[in-house]
Amino acid sequence: AVIGVIYLLAPHLLLDVYGVDIQSPSEANIFRS
């Protein structure tokens, strides 16, 4: 649940740790859903 809520509301918080950058609304949509 904690991981899911973070990905749903602020995916960049987890992705920044791994050096992954969200570049488009489509990428954000993939991670949020």
PDB file of all heavy atoms in Angstrom:
ATOM      1  N   ALA A   1       0.831  -1.209   0.000  1.00  0.00           N
ATOM      2  CA  ALA A   1       0.000   0.000   0.000  1.00  0.00           C
ATOM      3  C   ALA A   1       0.865   1.260   0.000  1.00  0.00           C
ATOM      4  O   ALA A   1       0.598   2.201  -0.761  1.00  0.00           O
ATOM      5  CB  ALA A   1      -0.937   0.007   1.203  1.00  0.00           C
ATOM      6  N   VAL A   2       1.888   1.276   0.829  1.00  0.00           N
ATOM      7  CA  VAL A   2       2.768   2.452   0.895  1.00  0.00           C
ATOM      8  C   VAL A   2       3.437   2.689  -0.456  1.00  0.00           C
ATOM      9  O   VAL A   2       3.432   3.812  -0.978  1.00  0.00           O
ATOM     10  CB  VAL A   2       3.823   2.290   2.016  1.00  0.00           C
ATOM     11  CG1 VAL A   2       4.912   3.348   1.914  1.00  0.00           C
ATOM     12  CG2 VAL A   2       3.150   2.343   3.381  1.00  0.00           C
ATOM     13  N   ILE A   3       3.989   1.640  -1.037  1.00  0.00           N
ATOM     14  CA  ILE A   3       4.639   1.778  -2.346  1.00  0.00           C
ATOM     15  C   ILE A   3       3.616   2.216  -3.393  1.00  0.00           C
ATOM     16  O   ILE A   3       3.880   3.095  -4.208  1.00  0.00           O
ATOM     17  CB  ILE A   3       5.324   0.453  -2.748  1.00  0.00           C
ATOM     18  CG1 ILE A   3       6.500   0.181  -1.811  1.00  0.00           C
ATOM     19  CG2 ILE A   3       5.793   0.494  -4.203  1.00  0.00           C
ATOM     20  CD1 ILE A   3       7.048  -1.212  -1.890  1.00  0.00           C
ATOM     21  N   GLY A   4       2.441   1.611  -3.359  1.00  0.00           N
ATOM     22  CA  GLY A   4       1.398   1.954  -4.322  1.00  0.00           C
ATOM     23  C   GLY A   4       0.946   3.394  -4.214  1.00  0.00           C
ATOM     24  O   GLY A   4       0.788   4.086  -5.222  1.00  0.00           O
ATOM     25  N   VAL A   5       0.741   3.882  -2.993  1.00  0.00           N
ATOM     26  CA  VAL A   5       0.305   5.267  -2.802  1.00  0.00           C
ATOM     27  C   VAL A   5       1.380   6.237  -3.293  1.00  0.00           C
ATOM     28  O   VAL A   5       1.073   7.251  -3.937  1.00  0.00           O
ATOM     29  CB  VAL A   5      -0.078   5.534  -1.327  1.00  0.00           C
ATOM     30  CG1 VAL A   5      -0.236   7.019  -1.046  1.00  0.00           C
ATOM     31  CG2 VAL A   5      -1.360   4.782  -0.975  1.00  0.00           C
ATOM     32  N   ILE A   6       2.641   5.925  -3.027  1.00  0.00           N
ATOM     33  CA  ILE A   6       3.719   6.805  -3.507  1.00  0.00           C
ATOM     34  C   ILE A   6       3.742   6.824  -5.029  1.00  0.00           C
ATOM     35  O   ILE A   6       3.816   7.897  -5.646  1.00  0.00           O
ATOM     36  CB  ILE A   6       5.086   6.385  -2.929  1.00  0.00           C
ATOM     37  CG1 ILE A   6       5.106   6.608  -1.409  1.00  0.00           C
ATOM     38  CG2 ILE A   6       6.220   7.175  -3.599  1.00  0.00           C
ATOM     39  CD1 ILE A   6       6.314   6.019  -0.709  1.00  0.00           C
ATOM     40  N   TYR A   7       3.687   5.649  -5.657  1.00  0.00           N
ATOM     41  CA  TYR A   7       3.656   5.605  -7.123  1.00  0.00           C
ATOM     42  C   TYR A   7       2.422   6.308  -7.687  1.00  0.00           C
ATOM     43  O   TYR A   7       2.475   6.947  -8.722  1.00  0.00           O
ATOM     44  CB  TYR A   7       3.688   4.165  -7.636  1.00  0.00           C
ATOM     45  CG  TYR A   7       5.061   3.619  -7.888  1.00  0.00           C
ATOM     46  CD1 TYR A   7       5.486   2.458  -7.255  1.00  0.00           C
ATOM     47  CD2 TYR A   7       5.942   4.236  -8.772  1.00  0.00           C
ATOM     48  CE1 TYR A   7       6.750   1.932  -7.481  1.00  0.00           C
ATOM     49  CE2 TYR A   7       7.203   3.721  -9.009  1.00  0.00           C
ATOM     50  CZ  TYR A   7       7.604   2.573  -8.360  1.00  0.00           C
ATOM     51  OH  TYR A   7       8.850   2.058  -8.592  1.00  0.00           O
ATOM     52  N   LEU A   8       1.304   6.204  -7.001  1.00  0.00           N
ATOM     53  CA  LEU A   8       0.068   6.814  -7.471  1.00  0.00           C
ATOM     54  C   LEU A   8       0.109   8.339  -7.359  1.00  0.00           C
ATOM     55  O   LEU A   8      -0.271   9.050  -8.289  1.00  0.00           O
ATOM     56  CB  LEU A   8      -1.117   6.265  -6.669  1.00  0.00           C
ATOM     57  CG  LEU A   8      -2.517   6.636  -7.130  1.00  0.00           C
ATOM     58  CD1 LEU A   8      -2.767   6.155  -8.554  1.00  0.00           C
ATOM     59  CD2 LEU A   8      -3.549   6.028  -6.185  1.00  0.00           C
ATOM     60  N   LEU A   9       0.599   8.848  -6.243  1.00  0.00           N
ATOM     61  CA  LEU A   9       0.558  10.287  -5.995  1.00  0.00           C
ATOM     62  C   LEU A   9       1.832  11.034  -6.395  1.00  0.00           C
ATOM     63  O   LEU A   9       1.755  12.203  -6.783  1.00  0.00           O
ATOM     64  CB  LEU A   9       0.248  10.554  -4.515  1.00  0.00           C
ATOM     65  CG  LEU A   9      -1.078   9.972  -4.013  1.00  0.00           C
ATOM     66  CD1 LEU A   9      -1.257  10.251  -2.529  1.00  0.00           C
ATOM     67  CD2 LEU A   9      -2.246  10.504  -4.826  1.00  0.00           C
ATOM     68  N   ALA A  10       2.977  10.384  -6.259  1.00  0.00           N
ATOM     69  CA  ALA A  10       4.251  11.067  -6.550  1.00  0.00           C
ATOM     70  C   ALA A  10       5.286  10.061  -7.052  1.00  0.00           C
ATOM     71  O   ALA A  10       6.258   9.757  -6.354  1.00  0.00           O
ATOM     72  CB  ALA A  10       4.751  11.783  -5.302  1.00  0.00           C
ATOM     73  N   PRO A  11       5.099   9.507  -8.248  1.00  0.00           N
ATOM     74  CA  PRO A  11       5.989   8.444  -8.729  1.00  0.00           C
ATOM     75  C   PRO A  11       7.458   8.858  -8.795  1.00  0.00           C
ATOM     76  O   PRO A  11       8.342   8.023  -8.619  1.00  0.00           O
ATOM     77  CB  PRO A  11       5.440   8.106 -10.115  1.00  0.00           C
ATOM     78  CG  PRO A  11       4.574   9.245 -10.506  1.00  0.00           C
ATOM     79  CD  PRO A  11       4.077   9.854  -9.237  1.00  0.00           C
ATOM     80  N   HIS A  12       7.722  10.133  -9.012  1.00  0.00           N
ATOM     81  CA  HIS A  12       9.110  10.591  -9.104  1.00  0.00           C
ATOM     82  C   HIS A  12       9.888  10.354  -7.809  1.00  0.00           C
ATOM     83  O   HIS A  12      11.104  10.189  -7.848  1.00  0.00           O
ATOM     84  CB  HIS A  12       9.155  12.077  -9.483  1.00  0.00           C
ATOM     85  CG  HIS A  12       8.563  12.969  -8.445  1.00  0.00           C
ATOM     86  ND1 HIS A  12       7.193  13.171  -8.359  1.00  0.00           N
ATOM     87  CD2 HIS A  12       9.134  13.675  -7.442  1.00  0.00           C
ATOM     88  CE1 HIS A  12       6.966  13.995  -7.337  1.00  0.00           C
ATOM     89  NE2 HIS A  12       8.113  14.308  -6.765  1.00  0.00           N
ATOM     90  N   LEU A  13       9.205  10.298  -6.656  1.00  0.00           N
ATOM     91  CA  LEU A  13       9.902  10.074  -5.388  1.00  0.00           C
ATOM     92  C   LEU A  13      10.628   8.733  -5.371  1.00  0.00           C
ATOM     93  O   LEU A  13      11.742   8.632  -4.861  1.00  0.00           O
ATOM     94  CB  LEU A  13       8.934  10.160  -4.208  1.00  0.00           C
ATOM     95  CG  LEU A  13       8.369  11.533  -3.893  1.00  0.00           C
ATOM     96  CD1 LEU A  13       7.394  11.449  -2.721  1.00  0.00           C
ATOM     97  CD2 LEU A  13       9.471  12.534  -3.602  1.00  0.00           C
ATOM     98  N   LEU A  14       9.995   7.709  -5.899  1.00  0.00           N
ATOM     99  CA  LEU A  14      10.647   6.396  -5.947  1.00  0.00           C
ATOM    100  C   LEU A  14      11.564   6.270  -7.157  1.00  0.00           C
ATOM    101  O   LEU A  14      12.650   5.697  -7.070  1.00  0.00           O
ATOM    102  CB  LEU A  14       9.599   5.281  -5.980  1.00  0.00           C
ATOM    103  CG  LEU A  14       8.847   5.048  -4.679  1.00  0.00           C
ATOM    104  CD1 LEU A  14       7.760   4.003  -4.865  1.00  0.00           C
ATOM    105  CD2 LEU A  14       9.782   4.624  -3.566  1.00  0.00           C
ATOM    106  N   LEU A  15      11.145   6.799  -8.279  1.00  0.00           N
ATOM    107  CA  LEU A  15      11.919   6.634  -9.507  1.00  0.00           C
ATOM    108  C   LEU A  15      13.233   7.402  -9.474  1.00  0.00           C
ATOM    109  O   LEU A  15      14.222   6.960 -10.051  1.00  0.00           O
ATOM    110  CB  LEU A  15      11.071   7.048 -10.712  1.00  0.00           C
ATOM    111  CG  LEU A  15       9.824   6.182 -10.926  1.00  0.00           C
ATOM    112  CD1 LEU A  15       8.959   6.757 -12.037  1.00  0.00           C
ATOM    113  CD2 LEU A  15      10.199   4.746 -11.220  1.00  0.00           C
ATOM    114  N   ASP A  16      13.258   8.538  -8.779  1.00  0.00           N
ATOM    115  CA  ASP A  16      14.494   9.316  -8.667  1.00  0.00           C
ATOM    116  C   ASP A  16      15.612   8.513  -7.999  1.00  0.00           C
ATOM    117  O   ASP A  16      16.785   8.676  -8.336  1.00  0.00           O
ATOM    118  CB  ASP A  16      14.257  10.611  -7.882  1.00  0.00           C
ATOM    119  CG  ASP A  16      13.500  11.665  -8.674  1.00  0.00           C
ATOM    120  OD1 ASP A  16      13.318  11.478  -9.903  1.00  0.00           O
ATOM    121  OD2 ASP A  16      13.081  12.667  -8.070  1.00  0.00           O
ATOM    122  N   VAL A  17      15.245   7.638  -7.068  1.00  0.00           N
ATOM    123  CA  VAL A  17      16.236   6.804  -6.373  1.00  0.00           C
ATOM    124  C   VAL A  17      17.011   5.957  -7.370  1.00  0.00           C
ATOM    125  O   VAL A  17      18.215   5.740  -7.220  1.00  0.00           O
ATOM    126  CB  VAL A  17      15.547   5.903  -5.325  1.00  0.00           C
ATOM    127  CG1 VAL A  17      16.517   4.885  -4.739  1.00  0.00           C
ATOM    128  CG2 VAL A  17      14.919   6.747  -4.227  1.00  0.00           C
ATOM    129  N   TYR A  18      16.345   5.494  -8.413  1.00  0.00           N
ATOM    130  CA  TYR A  18      16.963   4.606  -9.395  1.00  0.00           C
ATOM    131  C   TYR A  18      17.459   5.338 -10.628  1.00  0.00           C
ATOM    132  O   TYR A  18      17.917   4.721 -11.583  1.00  0.00           O
ATOM    133  CB  TYR A  18      15.965   3.522  -9.831  1.00  0.00           C
ATOM    134  CG  TYR A  18      15.230   2.907  -8.676  1.00  0.00           C
ATOM    135  CD1 TYR A  18      13.843   2.975  -8.603  1.00  0.00           C
ATOM    136  CD2 TYR A  18      15.906   2.264  -7.650  1.00  0.00           C
ATOM    137  CE1 TYR A  18      13.157   2.424  -7.533  1.00  0.00           C
ATOM    138  CE2 TYR A  18      15.227   1.714  -6.579  1.00  0.00           C
ATOM    139  CZ  TYR A  18      13.856   1.799  -6.522  1.00  0.00           C
ATOM    140  OH  TYR A  18      13.190   1.257  -5.474  1.00  0.00           O
ATOM    141  N   GLY A  19      17.331   6.660 -10.634  1.00  0.00           N
ATOM    142  CA  GLY A  19      17.779   7.428 -11.785  1.00  0.00           C
ATOM    143  C   GLY A  19      16.830   7.382 -12.958  1.00  0.00           C
ATOM    144  O   GLY A  19      17.215   7.629 -14.097  1.00  0.00           O
ATOM    145  N   VAL A  20      15.557   7.076 -12.712  1.00  0.00           N
ATOM    146  CA  VAL A  20      14.548   7.039 -13.767  1.00  0.00           C
ATOM    147  C   VAL A  20      13.802   8.366 -13.741  1.00  0.00           C
ATOM    148  O   VAL A  20      13.332   8.812 -12.698  1.00  0.00           O
ATOM    149  CB  VAL A  20      13.561   5.868 -13.552  1.00  0.00           C
ATOM    150  CG1 VAL A  20      12.459   5.892 -14.594  1.00  0.00           C
ATOM    151  CG2 VAL A  20      14.302   4.536 -13.563  1.00  0.00           C
ATOM    152  N   ASP A  21      13.692   8.988 -14.902  1.00  0.00           N
ATOM    153  CA  ASP A  21      13.044  10.286 -15.001  1.00  0.00           C
ATOM    154  C   ASP A  21      11.785  10.167 -15.853  1.00  0.00           C
ATOM    155  O   ASP A  21      11.829   9.609 -16.949  1.00  0.00           O
ATOM    156  CB  ASP A  21      14.016  11.294 -15.635  1.00  0.00           C
ATOM    157  CG  ASP A  21      13.503  12.712 -15.593  1.00  0.00           C
ATOM    158  OD1 ASP A  21      12.716  13.039 -14.688  1.00  0.00           O
ATOM    159  OD2 ASP A  21      13.899  13.502 -16.476  1.00  0.00           O
ATOM    160  N   ILE A  22      10.686  10.665 -15.339  1.00  0.00           N
ATOM    161  CA  ILE A  22       9.438  10.662 -16.099  1.00  0.00           C
ATOM    162  C   ILE A  22       9.490  11.832 -17.074  1.00  0.00           C
ATOM    163  O   ILE A  22       9.616  12.974 -16.671  1.00  0.00           O
ATOM    164  CB  ILE A  22       8.221  10.781 -15.160  1.00  0.00           C
ATOM    165  CG1 ILE A  22       8.151   9.548 -14.261  1.00  0.00           C
ATOM    166  CG2 ILE A  22       6.937  10.946 -15.970  1.00  0.00           C
ATOM    167  CD1 ILE A  22       7.063   9.613 -13.206  1.00  0.00           C
ATOM    168  N   GLN A  23       9.394  11.520 -18.376  1.00  0.00           N
ATOM    169  CA  GLN A  23       9.549  12.523 -19.413  1.00  0.00           C
ATOM    170  C   GLN A  23       8.242  12.977 -20.056  1.00  0.00           C
ATOM    171  O   GLN A  23       8.222  13.972 -20.752  1.00  0.00           O
ATOM    172  CB  GLN A  23      10.472  11.979 -20.521  1.00  0.00           C
ATOM    173  CG  GLN A  23      11.871  11.659 -20.055  1.00  0.00           C
ATOM    174  CD  GLN A  23      12.659  12.921 -19.757  1.00  0.00           C
ATOM    175  OE1 GLN A  23      12.548  13.920 -20.454  1.00  0.00           O
ATOM    176  NE2 GLN A  23      13.449  12.875 -18.702  1.00  0.00           N
ATOM    177  N   SER A  24       7.157  12.234 -19.834  1.00  0.00           N
ATOM    178  CA  SER A  24       5.916  12.583 -20.527  1.00  0.00           C
ATOM    179  C   SER A  24       4.710  12.174 -19.692  1.00  0.00           C
ATOM    180  O   SER A  24       4.830  11.338 -18.782  1.00  0.00           O
ATOM    181  CB  SER A  24       5.856  11.867 -21.880  1.00  0.00           C
ATOM    182  OG  SER A  24       5.633  10.478 -21.680  1.00  0.00           O
ATOM    183  N   PRO A  25       3.551  12.734 -20.016  1.00  0.00           N
ATOM    184  CA  PRO A  25       2.327  12.301 -19.334  1.00  0.00           C
ATOM    185  C   PRO A  25       2.047  10.806 -19.526  1.00  0.00           C
ATOM    186  O   PRO A  25       1.518  10.156 -18.626  1.00  0.00           O
ATOM    187  CB  PRO A  25       1.233  13.148 -19.992  1.00  0.00           C
ATOM    188  CG  PRO A  25       1.941  14.378 -20.459  1.00  0.00           C
ATOM    189  CD  PRO A  25       3.307  13.889 -20.887  1.00  0.00           C
ATOM    190  N   SER A  26       2.429  10.251 -20.661  1.00  0.00           N
ATOM    191  CA  SER A  26       2.212   8.815 -20.895  1.00  0.00           C
ATOM    192  C   SER A  26       3.054   7.980 -19.936  1.00  0.00           C
ATOM    193  O   SER A  26       2.580   6.964 -19.403  1.00  0.00           O
ATOM    194  CB  SER A  26       2.544   8.455 -22.340  1.00  0.00           C
ATOM    195  OG  SER A  26       1.640   9.084 -23.216  1.00  0.00           O
ATOM    196  N   GLU A  27       4.287   8.375 -19.715  1.00  0.00           N
ATOM    197  CA  GLU A  27       5.138   7.653 -18.764  1.00  0.00           C
ATOM    198  C   GLU A  27       4.574   7.769 -17.350  1.00  0.00           C
ATOM    199  O   GLU A  27       4.550   6.777 -16.611  1.00  0.00           O
ATOM    200  CB  GLU A  27       6.567   8.190 -18.806  1.00  0.00           C
ATOM    201  CG  GLU A  27       7.303   7.837 -20.063  1.00  0.00           C
ATOM    202  CD  GLU A  27       8.669   8.490 -20.152  1.00  0.00           C
ATOM    203  OE1 GLU A  27       8.958   9.441 -19.405  1.00  0.00           O
ATOM    204  OE2 GLU A  27       9.458   8.032 -20.997  1.00  0.00           O
ATOM    205  N   ALA A  28       4.125   8.939 -16.970  1.00  0.00           N
ATOM    206  CA  ALA A  28       3.531   9.121 -15.648  1.00  0.00           C
ATOM    207  C   ALA A  28       2.294   8.236 -15.510  1.00  0.00           C
ATOM    208  O   ALA A  28       2.081   7.603 -14.467  1.00  0.00           O
ATOM    209  CB  ALA A  28       3.166  10.592 -15.427  1.00  0.00           C
ATOM    210  N   ASN A  29       1.499   8.167 -16.563  1.00  0.00           N
ATOM    211  CA  ASN A  29       0.288   7.355 -16.562  1.00  0.00           C
ATOM    212  C   ASN A  29       0.617   5.885 -16.347  1.00  0.00           C
ATOM    213  O   ASN A  29      -0.067   5.184 -15.585  1.00  0.00           O
ATOM    214  CB  ASN A  29      -0.466   7.561 -17.884  1.00  0.00           C
ATOM    215  CG  ASN A  29      -1.778   6.827 -17.915  1.00  0.00           C
ATOM    216  OD1 ASN A  29      -1.788   5.618 -18.132  1.00  0.00           O
ATOM    217  ND2 ASN A  29      -2.860   7.544 -17.710  1.00  0.00           N
ATOM    218  N   ILE A  30       1.663   5.404 -16.982  1.00  0.00           N
ATOM    219  CA  ILE A  30       2.070   4.005 -16.845  1.00  0.00           C
ATOM    220  C   ILE A  30       2.440   3.696 -15.392  1.00  0.00           C
ATOM    221  O   ILE A  30       2.009   2.691 -14.824  1.00  0.00           O
ATOM    222  CB  ILE A  30       3.237   3.681 -17.800  1.00  0.00           C
ATOM    223  CG1 ILE A  30       2.735   3.663 -19.245  1.00  0.00           C
ATOM    224  CG2 ILE A  30       3.889   2.349 -17.432  1.00  0.00           C
ATOM    225  CD1 ILE A  30       3.841   3.658 -20.284  1.00  0.00           C
ATOM    226  N   PHE A  31       3.229   4.563 -14.774  1.00  0.00           N
ATOM    227  CA  PHE A  31       3.647   4.320 -13.391  1.00  0.00           C
ATOM    228  C   PHE A  31       2.500   4.498 -12.404  1.00  0.00           C
ATOM    229  O   PHE A  31       2.364   3.734 -11.461  1.00  0.00           O
ATOM    230  CB  PHE A  31       4.825   5.225 -13.007  1.00  0.00           C
ATOM    231  CG  PHE A  31       6.115   4.761 -13.596  1.00  0.00           C
ATOM    232  CD1 PHE A  31       6.713   5.467 -14.628  1.00  0.00           C
ATOM    233  CD2 PHE A  31       6.735   3.608 -13.141  1.00  0.00           C
ATOM    234  CE1 PHE A  31       7.903   5.030 -15.192  1.00  0.00           C
ATOM    235  CE2 PHE A  31       7.919   3.165 -13.689  1.00  0.00           C
ATOM    236  CZ  PHE A  31       8.513   3.878 -14.720  1.00  0.00           C
ATOM    237  N   ARG A  32       1.660   5.514 -12.629  1.00  0.00           N
ATOM    238  CA  ARG A  32       0.547   5.746 -11.699  1.00  0.00           C
ATOM    239  C   ARG A  32      -0.469   4.599 -11.751  1.00  0.00           C
ATOM    240  O   ARG A  32      -0.997   4.185 -10.723  1.00  0.00           O
ATOM    241  CB  ARG A  32      -0.134   7.072 -12.006  1.00  0.00           C
ATOM    242  CG  ARG A  32       0.689   8.277 -11.626  1.00  0.00           C
ATOM    243  CD  ARG A  32      -0.071   9.572 -11.905  1.00  0.00           C
ATOM    244  NE  ARG A  32       0.779  10.728 -11.925  1.00  0.00           N
ATOM    245  CZ  ARG A  32       1.161  11.429 -10.867  1.00  0.00           C
ATOM    246  NH1 ARG A  32       0.765  11.060  -9.669  1.00  0.00           N
ATOM    247  NH2 ARG A  32       1.939  12.486 -11.002  1.00  0.00           N
ATOM    248  N   SER A  33      -0.735   4.072 -12.928  1.00  0.00           N
ATOM    249  CA  SER A  33      -1.729   2.998 -13.023  1.00  0.00           C
ATOM    250  C   SER A  33      -1.109   1.630 -12.754  1.00  0.00           C
ATOM    251  O   SER A  33      -1.597   0.872 -11.916  1.00  0.00           O
ATOM    252  CB  SER A  33      -2.415   3.018 -14.388  1.00  0.00           C
ATOM    253  OG  SER A  33      -1.488   2.734 -15.413  1.00  0.00           O
TER     254      SER A  33
END
